[in-house]
Amino acid sequence: MRRFHIRTYGCQMNAHDSEKVANLLYHAGWAAADDADAADLLLINTCSIRDKAEHQLYSDLGLLRKWKAARPGRVLGVAGCVAQQAGDAIQRRFAHVDFVFGTHNLRLVPSMVAAAERGRTSLEVGESDSLARFDLPERHPDYRGASPGRGYLTVMEGCDMFCSFCVVPGTRGREISRPATGIVAEARSLAARGVRELTLLGQTVNAYGRHDRRRGHVGTVSFGALLRRLAEIPGIERLRYTSPHPLFFDDELVAAHAELDVLCPHVHLPLQSGSNPILERMRRRYSVDEYRARVAALRAARPDIVLTTDLIVGFPGETDEDFRRTLDLVAEVGFVDAYSFKYSPRPGTTAASMSGAVGGDVAQARLQELQDLQRGLTLAAHRRRVGGATEVLVTGHSRHGGEQLSGRDPYHRVVNFRAPPGTVEPGELVAVRIVDATPHSLIGEVANPQTLGTMRRLVKGEPGMADEEGRSALFQVESNR
């Protein structure tokens, strides 16, 4: 049987695109290989959000000349955001690449592979505003997915925000939202196949349907209404979404966090900078005070909500004072985690031609200081949870090896824990008592299932924490195990 392998770089949208392509290949008669050495077809799904990822692609492609030459008939394809931007250049530079396809052309993969097997190269990077690109086959019976119990569902693609540093509008195109009926149908299908945690995906996911409603088009609903429909599906026990834009947190979405039990108490809320002048240069379209208001609204709706964020340091024109404002806001909000990066100029963006470049050493020092601050905030948040309990969706064995298992809790925290061999399987929801914490994960052990019922009845506060009465009740339950 012909076998394929996919290397994926970048965001969750890219990871889900790789899942869609894998499913298409299963339907075309292929099977997955564990690694490139065992594969007849290798796909590189690329990311161009930072130059480091793009350079990694070119390095990989150079090394893959030997991979392709090692076995006659092997096929090599390049996909994703770099492919969308530089498809012609990739084929000119790397003659051993058989086909290149962009983010709007996933459905064409089986035919492009077939053409490559006949010795024909192909390039498909055209943009499309057709909803047909969402019409993909249901999951093939042989395709299991990477994470049992978890599923991703694309609700919209593209972005119309045009932040000055971002290539997404050029690589993913303009905003387009799927009809709600198709989203709900796919969610029901995933639930029937054992998906218990569903993550909604979109470049600005909470902007879902905004253009359609403005134009009077039928088919979409507000994002808050979509969440409510999905929350009613039997079998879906957790609901998440990523990545939202702070601008689109309306009252309905905030209320959903207070009212929908299955909507997880975690929001990834990109900030990028804590300085108003830098936010303006970034064209983020909100001020620091407006961001604070979003934070306050979410915490009023769900007091135990956990916030994570994205941050960029060394943006053109960023002064020491601008950076200090970012540090101050990060400490004030108390993010539980953050993805932080040095600014990377991307071709075709407004910021790439801005004056006021920050030196590499200065940017690196700022990044280190920011990450040190965040590491302390993360560890403090994790330590506050020691002694509490949580519910973990098991993904498999921990990266630390041995019998230790791993998964994520409703607050999107990694929890590593031990369980008697054979008692817990990937995809299960397990009650875990937190006994220790590191900056990277919570450490736990399997708890009495009644523990979660006790914890859920407590007044919401810091996640996993309880007042003295509640903590006593928790320990009483555990002592009766």
Protein backbone atom coordinates (compact mmCIF):
# COMPACT_ATOMS: atom_id res chain seq x y z
CA MET A 1 0.00 0.00 0.00
CA ARG A 2 1.23 3.50 -0.82
CA ARG A 3 2.04 5.51 2.28
CA PHE A 4 2.20 9.23 3.04
CA HIS A 5 3.71 11.38 5.75
CA ILE A 6 2.95 15.06 6.52
CA ARG A 7 5.26 17.49 8.32
CA THR A 8 3.34 20.43 9.72
CA TYR A 9 4.64 23.80 10.86
CA GLY A 10 2.67 26.66 12.37
CA CYS A 11 -0.72 27.22 13.91
CA GLN A 12 -3.65 24.95 14.76
CA MET A 13 -5.27 25.94 11.47
CA ASN A 14 -2.26 24.47 9.69
CA ALA A 15 -2.46 21.34 11.83
CA HIS A 16 -6.13 20.94 10.95
CA ASP A 17 -5.39 21.53 7.26
CA SER A 18 -2.94 18.63 7.50
CA GLU A 19 -5.68 16.51 9.02
CA LYS A 20 -8.00 17.41 6.12
CA VAL A 21 -5.33 16.47 3.57
CA ALA A 22 -4.59 13.21 5.38
CA ASN A 23 -8.29 12.34 5.28
CA LEU A 24 -8.41 13.09 1.53
CA LEU A 25 -5.44 10.79 0.97
CA TYR A 26 -7.09 8.00 2.95
CA HIS A 27 -10.12 8.35 0.70
CA ALA A 28 -7.76 8.15 -2.30
CA GLY A 29 -6.39 4.81 -1.13
CA TRP A 30 -3.28 5.90 0.78
CA ALA A 31 -2.27 4.97 4.32
CA ALA A 32 -0.20 6.94 6.82
CA ALA A 33 3.49 6.29 7.48
CA ASP A 34 5.05 6.92 10.88
CA ASP A 35 7.94 8.86 9.40
CA ALA A 36 9.36 10.11 6.11
CA ASP A 37 11.69 7.12 5.66
CA ALA A 38 8.67 4.81 5.36
CA ALA A 39 6.72 7.16 3.06
CA ASP A 40 6.22 7.19 -0.69
CA LEU A 41 4.65 10.66 -0.48
CA LEU A 42 5.90 13.47 1.74
CA LEU A 43 4.02 16.73 2.20
CA ILE A 44 5.49 19.79 3.94
CA ASN A 45 2.74 22.05 5.30
CA THR A 46 4.39 25.42 5.77
CA CYS A 47 4.03 28.52 7.92
CA SER A 48 5.11 32.05 7.01
CA ILE A 49 4.06 34.01 10.07
CA ARG A 50 7.75 34.41 11.02
CA ASP A 51 10.89 34.18 8.93
CA LYS A 52 12.33 31.36 11.06
CA ALA A 53 9.62 28.95 9.91
CA GLU A 54 10.14 29.94 6.27
CA HIS A 55 13.89 29.38 6.52
CA GLN A 56 13.21 25.97 8.07
CA LEU A 57 11.22 25.02 4.98
CA TYR A 58 14.07 25.86 2.60
CA SER A 59 16.51 23.94 4.77
CA ASP A 60 14.20 20.91 4.78
CA LEU A 61 13.69 21.00 1.03
CA GLY A 62 17.43 21.05 0.39
CA LEU A 63 17.94 17.95 2.55
CA LEU A 64 15.00 16.14 0.93
CA ARG A 65 16.81 15.78 -2.39
CA LYS A 66 18.48 12.70 -0.92
CA TRP A 67 15.16 11.42 0.45
CA LYS A 68 13.55 11.54 -2.97
CA ALA A 69 16.50 10.03 -4.80
CA ALA A 70 16.72 7.12 -2.33
CA ARG A 71 13.62 5.41 -3.78
CA PRO A 72 12.28 5.70 -7.33
CA GLY A 73 8.74 6.98 -7.56
CA ARG A 74 8.73 9.04 -4.37
CA VAL A 75 6.61 12.21 -4.49
CA LEU A 76 7.28 15.51 -2.67
CA GLY A 77 4.72 18.28 -2.21
CA VAL A 78 4.70 21.67 -0.48
CA ALA A 79 1.58 23.20 1.04
CA GLY A 80 0.46 26.03 3.29
CA CYS A 81 1.19 29.70 3.67
CA VAL A 82 4.68 29.82 2.15
CA ALA A 83 3.34 27.82 -0.78
CA GLN A 84 0.54 30.36 -1.21
CA GLN A 85 3.04 33.23 -1.25
CA ALA A 86 5.99 31.75 -3.11
CA GLY A 87 4.77 28.75 -5.09
CA ASP A 88 6.54 29.66 -8.35
CA ALA A 89 9.80 30.44 -6.56
CA ILE A 90 9.74 27.12 -4.70
CA GLN A 91 9.40 25.16 -7.91
CA ARG A 92 12.15 27.15 -9.64
CA ARG A 93 14.55 26.75 -6.73
CA PHE A 94 13.79 23.10 -5.90
CA ALA A 95 13.31 21.06 -9.06
CA HIS A 96 12.69 17.88 -7.03
CA VAL A 97 9.41 19.31 -5.66
CA ASP A 98 6.58 17.67 -7.61
CA PHE A 99 3.67 19.92 -6.69
CA VAL A 100 2.83 23.02 -4.68
CA PHE A 101 -0.61 24.02 -3.42
CA GLY A 102 -1.93 26.90 -1.38
CA THR A 103 -4.37 27.23 1.47
CA HIS A 104 -7.46 27.40 -0.76
CA ASN A 105 -6.71 24.23 -2.73
CA LEU A 106 -6.72 21.31 -0.32
CA ARG A 107 -9.37 19.45 -2.31
CA LEU A 108 -7.00 19.18 -5.28
CA VAL A 109 -4.35 17.16 -3.46
CA PRO A 110 -5.38 13.66 -4.66
CA SER A 111 -5.39 14.75 -8.30
CA MET A 112 -2.04 16.55 -7.90
CA VAL A 113 -0.50 13.45 -6.35
CA ALA A 114 -1.84 11.32 -9.20
CA ALA A 115 -0.36 13.75 -11.73
CA ALA A 116 3.01 13.63 -9.96
CA GLU A 117 3.00 9.84 -10.15
CA ARG A 118 2.64 10.23 -13.93
CA GLY A 119 5.64 12.56 -14.00
CA ARG A 120 3.77 15.88 -14.16
CA THR A 121 4.51 18.82 -11.87
CA SER A 122 1.71 21.14 -10.85
CA LEU A 123 1.07 24.42 -9.05
CA GLU A 124 -2.26 25.42 -7.49
CA VAL A 125 -2.15 28.64 -5.48
CA GLY A 126 -5.23 30.44 -6.73
CA GLU A 127 -7.51 32.14 -4.22
CA SER A 128 -11.18 31.30 -3.95
CA ASP A 129 -14.13 32.93 -2.22
CA SER A 130 -16.31 29.86 -2.85
CA LEU A 131 -17.82 27.94 0.04
CA ALA A 132 -17.00 24.77 -1.92
CA ARG A 133 -13.57 24.70 -0.28
CA PHE A 134 -15.30 23.68 2.96
CA ASP A 135 -17.02 20.70 1.28
CA LEU A 136 -14.72 17.87 2.25
CA PRO A 137 -15.53 14.19 2.82
CA GLU A 138 -16.34 12.86 6.27
CA ARG A 139 -13.55 11.23 8.22
CA HIS A 140 -12.42 7.97 6.60
CA PRO A 141 -12.97 4.88 8.81
CA ASP A 142 -9.22 4.17 8.83
CA TYR A 143 -8.25 7.70 9.82
CA ARG A 144 -8.00 8.00 13.58
CA GLY A 145 -6.56 11.49 14.07
CA ALA A 146 -3.71 12.54 16.29
CA SER A 147 -5.59 13.11 19.57
CA PRO A 148 -8.33 10.68 20.61
CA GLY A 149 -11.36 12.47 21.96
CA ARG A 150 -10.37 15.84 20.52
CA GLY A 151 -11.44 17.40 17.24
CA TYR A 152 -10.96 20.62 15.28
CA LEU A 153 -13.64 22.26 13.18
CA THR A 154 -13.05 25.16 10.78
CA VAL A 155 -15.86 27.73 11.03
CA MET A 156 -14.27 30.55 9.01
CA GLU A 157 -11.06 31.33 7.15
CA GLY A 158 -9.18 34.46 6.20
CA CYS A 159 -8.77 37.83 7.84
CA ASP A 160 -9.86 41.37 6.99
CA MET A 161 -8.01 43.10 9.84
CA PHE A 162 -4.72 43.79 7.97
CA CYS A 163 -2.49 44.24 11.01
CA SER A 164 0.67 45.93 9.78
CA PHE A 165 2.96 43.02 10.74
CA CYS A 166 0.83 40.12 9.52
CA VAL A 167 0.86 38.11 6.27
CA VAL A 168 -2.37 36.22 6.96
CA PRO A 169 -4.62 38.28 4.63
CA GLY A 170 -2.17 37.48 1.85
CA THR A 171 -1.81 33.77 2.65
CA ARG A 172 -5.33 32.92 3.81
CA GLY A 173 -7.32 35.52 1.89
CA ARG A 174 -10.33 37.55 2.95
CA GLU A 175 -12.80 36.44 5.61
CA ILE A 176 -15.26 33.76 4.57
CA SER A 177 -17.61 31.96 6.97
CA ARG A 178 -19.21 28.55 6.61
CA PRO A 179 -22.98 28.18 6.87
CA ALA A 180 -24.00 27.24 10.40
CA THR A 181 -25.88 24.13 9.25
CA GLY A 182 -22.70 22.62 7.80
CA ILE A 183 -20.75 23.39 10.97
CA VAL A 184 -23.38 21.80 13.20
CA ALA A 185 -23.62 18.74 10.94
CA GLU A 186 -19.86 18.22 11.05
CA ALA A 187 -19.85 18.67 14.83
CA ARG A 188 -22.55 16.01 15.19
CA SER A 189 -20.54 13.67 13.00
CA LEU A 190 -17.42 14.22 15.09
CA ALA A 191 -19.36 13.64 18.32
CA ALA A 192 -20.71 10.38 16.90
CA ARG A 193 -17.10 9.29 16.30
CA GLY A 194 -16.12 9.88 19.91
CA VAL A 195 -14.96 13.51 19.90
CA ARG A 196 -15.65 14.97 23.34
CA GLU A 197 -13.66 18.22 23.06
CA LEU A 198 -14.28 20.39 20.00
CA THR A 199 -12.12 23.39 19.08
CA LEU A 200 -13.50 25.91 16.58
CA LEU A 201 -10.88 27.37 14.27
CA GLY A 202 -10.56 30.61 12.33
CA GLN A 203 -7.97 33.32 11.80
CA THR A 204 -10.33 35.72 13.61
CA VAL A 205 -12.72 33.06 14.79
CA ASN A 206 -15.09 35.31 16.75
CA ALA A 207 -15.61 37.46 13.63
CA TYR A 208 -17.54 34.48 12.27
CA GLY A 209 -20.46 35.54 10.09
CA ARG A 210 -20.05 39.29 10.61
CA HIS A 211 -19.99 40.18 6.90
CA ASP A 212 -22.90 37.91 6.07
CA ARG A 213 -25.12 39.43 8.74
CA ARG A 214 -24.16 42.92 7.65
CA ARG A 215 -25.07 42.13 4.06
CA GLY A 216 -28.27 40.33 4.94
CA HIS A 217 -27.00 36.96 3.72
CA VAL A 218 -28.54 33.82 5.15
CA GLY A 219 -26.64 30.80 6.42
CA THR A 220 -24.54 32.20 9.24
CA VAL A 221 -25.45 33.35 12.74
CA SER A 222 -23.60 35.33 15.37
CA PHE A 223 -20.61 33.59 16.93
CA GLY A 224 -22.33 33.49 20.31
CA ALA A 225 -25.39 31.86 18.74
CA LEU A 226 -23.17 29.32 16.98
CA LEU A 227 -21.58 28.36 20.30
CA ARG A 228 -25.03 27.81 21.80
CA ARG A 229 -26.04 25.49 18.95
CA LEU A 230 -22.89 23.45 19.30
CA ALA A 231 -23.22 23.26 23.08
CA GLU A 232 -26.51 21.39 22.64
CA ILE A 233 -24.96 18.51 20.69
CA PRO A 234 -24.96 15.27 22.73
CA GLY A 235 -21.47 13.96 23.36
CA ILE A 236 -19.69 17.34 23.15
CA GLU A 237 -18.45 17.91 26.70
CA ARG A 238 -15.91 20.65 26.01
CA LEU A 239 -16.05 23.53 23.56
CA ARG A 240 -13.11 25.83 22.72
CA TYR A 241 -12.25 28.37 20.03
CA THR A 242 -9.08 29.98 18.67
CA SER A 243 -7.88 32.52 17.80
CA PRO A 244 -10.24 35.38 18.60
CA HIS A 245 -9.63 39.08 18.06
CA PRO A 246 -10.25 41.41 21.05
CA LEU A 247 -12.39 43.64 18.82
CA PHE A 248 -15.13 41.03 18.40
CA PHE A 249 -15.99 40.18 21.99
CA ASP A 250 -19.58 41.38 22.04
CA ASP A 251 -22.04 41.01 24.93
CA GLU A 252 -23.47 37.80 23.48
CA LEU A 253 -20.09 36.07 23.35
CA VAL A 254 -19.16 37.22 26.85
CA ALA A 255 -22.52 35.97 28.15
CA ALA A 256 -21.87 32.57 26.58
CA HIS A 257 -18.90 32.18 28.90
CA ALA A 258 -21.19 32.69 31.88
CA GLU A 259 -24.03 30.48 30.66
CA LEU A 260 -22.60 27.53 28.69
CA ASP A 261 -21.19 24.83 30.94
CA VAL A 262 -19.36 23.10 28.08
CA LEU A 263 -17.58 26.31 27.00
CA CYS A 264 -14.14 25.95 28.55
CA PRO A 265 -12.94 28.64 31.00
CA HIS A 266 -9.97 29.59 28.85
CA VAL A 267 -9.60 32.35 26.26
CA HIS A 268 -6.50 32.98 24.19
CA LEU A 269 -6.72 36.76 23.85
CA PRO A 270 -3.88 38.16 21.68
CA LEU A 271 -2.49 41.43 23.04
CA GLN A 272 0.74 41.90 21.01
CA SER A 273 1.81 45.04 22.93
CA GLY A 274 0.93 46.93 26.09
CA SER A 275 1.70 50.32 24.55
CA ASN A 276 -0.93 52.39 22.74
CA PRO A 277 1.55 53.93 20.26
CA ILE A 278 2.79 50.47 19.28
CA LEU A 279 -0.75 49.10 19.03
CA GLU A 280 -1.52 51.95 16.64
CA ARG A 281 1.55 51.19 14.53
CA MET A 282 0.53 47.54 14.53
CA ARG A 283 -2.95 48.58 13.38
CA ARG A 284 -4.58 46.47 16.08
CA ARG A 285 -7.66 48.73 16.31
CA TYR A 286 -8.00 48.67 20.11
CA SER A 287 -6.37 50.58 22.93
CA VAL A 288 -4.88 49.26 26.14
CA ASP A 289 -7.96 50.42 28.07
CA GLU A 290 -10.26 48.68 25.58
CA TYR A 291 -8.26 45.49 26.02
CA ARG A 292 -8.55 45.86 29.80
CA ALA A 293 -12.31 46.20 29.38
CA ARG A 294 -12.47 42.88 27.47
CA VAL A 295 -10.51 41.21 30.26
CA ALA A 296 -12.78 42.67 32.93
CA ALA A 297 -15.94 41.60 31.08
CA LEU A 298 -14.72 38.02 30.66
CA ARG A 299 -13.70 37.76 34.31
CA ALA A 300 -17.01 39.20 35.46
CA ALA A 301 -18.80 36.58 33.37
CA ARG A 302 -16.57 33.69 34.44
CA PRO A 303 -14.39 34.54 37.46
CA ASP A 304 -12.19 31.47 37.11
CA ILE A 305 -11.38 32.09 33.45
CA VAL A 306 -7.76 31.64 32.40
CA LEU A 307 -6.28 34.07 29.87
CA THR A 308 -3.33 33.40 27.58
CA THR A 309 -1.97 35.72 24.93
CA ASP A 310 0.41 36.52 22.05
CA LEU A 311 3.12 39.17 22.38
CA ILE A 312 5.64 40.75 20.02
CA VAL A 313 8.74 42.60 21.22
CA GLY A 314 11.08 44.75 19.17
CA PHE A 315 8.39 46.06 16.83
CA PRO A 316 9.63 49.05 14.77
CA GLY A 317 9.57 52.16 16.94
CA GLU A 318 9.26 50.29 20.25
CA THR A 319 11.07 52.28 22.93
CA ASP A 320 12.17 51.14 26.36
CA GLU A 321 9.08 52.86 27.76
CA ASP A 322 6.80 51.05 25.33
CA PHE A 323 8.32 47.75 26.39
CA ARG A 324 7.93 48.61 30.09
CA ARG A 325 4.24 49.25 29.47
CA THR A 326 3.97 45.78 27.98
CA LEU A 327 5.64 44.25 31.04
CA ASP A 328 3.34 46.19 33.35
CA LEU A 329 0.20 45.10 31.51
CA VAL A 330 1.28 41.47 31.40
CA ALA A 331 1.78 41.54 35.17
CA GLU A 332 -1.51 43.39 35.70
CA VAL A 333 -3.61 40.98 33.67
CA GLY A 334 -1.78 37.97 35.06
CA PHE A 335 -1.72 35.84 31.93
CA VAL A 336 -1.29 32.18 32.73
CA ASP A 337 0.75 31.67 29.58
CA ALA A 338 1.96 33.59 26.54
CA TYR A 339 3.47 32.98 23.13
CA SER A 340 6.09 35.70 22.79
CA PHE A 341 8.37 36.44 19.86
CA LYS A 342 10.79 38.99 18.48
CA TYR A 343 9.34 41.00 15.63
CA SER A 344 10.12 39.43 12.28
CA PRO A 345 9.62 41.59 9.15
CA ARG A 346 7.48 39.79 6.60
CA PRO A 347 7.43 40.62 2.89
CA GLY A 348 4.42 42.55 1.67
CA THR A 349 3.45 43.94 5.07
CA THR A 350 3.33 47.62 6.00
CA ALA A 351 5.59 47.14 9.01
CA ALA A 352 8.40 45.76 6.85
CA SER A 353 9.07 49.28 5.53
CA MET A 354 8.58 51.14 8.82
CA SER A 355 11.36 53.22 10.34
CA GLY A 356 12.64 52.73 13.87
CA ALA A 357 14.02 49.20 13.62
CA VAL A 358 15.01 47.74 17.00
CA GLY A 359 18.44 46.13 17.16
CA GLY A 360 18.62 42.36 17.41
CA ASP A 361 20.44 42.35 20.75
CA VAL A 362 17.95 44.78 22.27
CA ALA A 363 15.00 42.75 21.00
CA GLN A 364 16.52 39.53 22.35
CA ALA A 365 17.10 41.09 25.77
CA ARG A 366 13.50 42.32 25.86
CA LEU A 367 12.21 38.92 24.85
CA GLN A 368 14.21 37.24 27.59
CA GLU A 369 12.92 39.68 30.23
CA LEU A 370 9.32 39.20 29.07
CA GLN A 371 9.63 35.42 29.07
CA ASP A 372 11.21 35.46 32.54
CA LEU A 373 8.25 37.48 33.81
CA GLN A 374 5.75 35.16 32.16
CA ARG A 375 7.52 32.07 33.48
CA GLY A 376 7.10 33.41 37.00
CA LEU A 377 3.42 34.21 36.43
CA THR A 378 2.81 30.75 35.01
CA LEU A 379 4.54 28.99 37.88
CA ALA A 380 2.64 31.07 40.45
CA ALA A 381 -0.68 30.27 38.77
CA HIS A 382 0.18 26.58 38.66
CA ARG A 383 1.25 26.51 42.31
CA ARG A 384 -2.06 28.06 43.37
CA ARG A 385 -3.73 24.99 41.98
CA VAL A 386 -1.84 22.48 44.11
CA GLY A 387 -4.31 20.74 46.40
CA GLY A 388 -7.22 21.21 44.03
CA ALA A 389 -8.70 18.82 41.50
CA THR A 390 -9.37 19.00 37.81
CA GLU A 391 -10.68 16.95 34.92
CA VAL A 392 -8.17 15.80 32.30
CA LEU A 393 -8.88 14.71 28.74
CA VAL A 394 -6.14 12.13 28.28
CA THR A 395 -4.07 12.47 25.11
CA GLY A 396 -1.55 9.68 25.77
CA HIS A 397 1.76 9.12 27.50
CA SER A 398 3.72 12.06 28.86
CA ARG A 399 6.79 13.25 27.01
CA HIS A 400 8.69 12.40 30.19
CA GLY A 401 8.21 8.71 29.40
CA GLY A 402 7.50 5.82 31.70
CA GLU A 403 3.96 5.13 32.84
CA GLN A 404 3.12 8.80 33.28
CA LEU A 405 0.10 9.95 31.25
CA SER A 406 -0.72 13.42 30.00
CA GLY A 407 -3.67 15.53 28.90
CA ARG A 408 -5.26 18.94 29.23
CA ASP A 409 -7.81 20.22 31.67
CA PRO A 410 -10.65 22.70 30.96
CA TYR A 411 -8.25 25.60 31.55
CA HIS A 412 -6.00 24.29 28.75
CA ARG A 413 -3.24 23.39 31.19
CA VAL A 414 -1.08 20.35 30.56
CA VAL A 415 -1.51 17.85 33.38
CA ASN A 416 0.93 14.95 33.78
CA PHE A 417 -0.22 12.20 36.12
CA ARG A 418 0.23 8.57 37.06
CA ALA A 419 -2.47 5.95 36.89
CA PRO A 420 -2.47 2.18 37.41
CA PRO A 421 -1.49 0.48 34.12
CA GLY A 422 -4.43 -0.33 31.89
CA THR A 423 -6.94 1.78 33.84
CA VAL A 424 -6.93 4.90 31.69
CA GLU A 425 -7.06 5.18 27.89
CA PRO A 426 -6.46 8.15 25.55
CA GLY A 427 -9.70 10.04 24.92
CA GLU A 428 -11.07 9.44 28.41
CA LEU A 429 -11.96 12.17 30.92
CA VAL A 430 -10.29 11.49 34.24
CA ALA A 431 -10.49 13.14 37.65
CA VAL A 432 -7.01 14.21 38.80
CA ARG A 433 -5.83 15.72 42.06
CA ILE A 434 -3.03 18.29 41.65
CA VAL A 435 -0.04 17.49 43.88
CA ASP A 436 2.76 19.57 42.34
CA ALA A 437 3.46 22.22 39.70
CA THR A 438 6.18 23.29 37.29
CA PRO A 439 6.29 26.27 34.90
CA HIS A 440 5.28 23.91 32.11
CA SER A 441 2.65 21.63 33.59
CA LEU A 442 0.64 20.49 36.56
CA ILE A 443 1.55 17.22 38.25
CA GLY A 444 -1.24 15.01 39.56
CA GLU A 445 -2.57 11.62 40.46
CA VAL A 446 -5.87 9.95 39.69
CA ALA A 447 -8.55 11.11 42.12
CA ASN A 448 -11.87 9.79 43.32
CA PRO A 449 -14.43 10.80 40.65
CA GLN A 450 -16.58 12.34 43.42
CA THR A 451 -13.82 14.90 43.87
CA LEU A 452 -14.84 16.73 40.71
CA GLY A 453 -18.43 16.91 41.79
CA THR A 454 -17.32 18.53 45.01
CA MET A 455 -15.06 21.00 43.27
CA ARG A 456 -17.73 21.98 40.75
CA ARG A 457 -20.09 22.97 43.55
CA LEU A 458 -17.58 25.40 45.00
CA VAL A 459 -17.71 29.13 44.41
CA LYS A 460 -15.77 29.94 41.24
CA GLY A 461 -12.50 31.66 41.89
CA GLU A 462 -9.00 30.81 40.83
CA PRO A 463 -9.19 27.58 38.83
CA GLY A 464 -8.84 24.55 41.08
CA MET A 465 -8.84 26.65 44.24
CA ALA A 466 -11.48 26.58 46.96
CA ASP A 467 -12.35 28.32 50.19
CA GLU A 468 -11.57 26.51 53.45
CA GLU A 469 -15.02 24.89 53.59
CA GLY A 470 -14.70 23.59 50.06
CA ARG A 471 -11.12 22.43 50.58
CA SER A 472 -12.20 20.50 53.66
CA ALA A 473 -14.97 18.87 51.66
CA LEU A 474 -12.47 17.93 48.98
CA PHE A 475 -10.11 16.30 51.44
CA GLN A 476 -13.03 14.48 53.09
CA VAL A 477 -13.99 12.97 49.75
CA GLU A 478 -10.40 11.91 49.11
CA SER A 479 -10.02 10.39 52.56
CA ASN A 480 -12.96 8.10 51.83
CA ARG A 481 -11.40 6.61 48.70
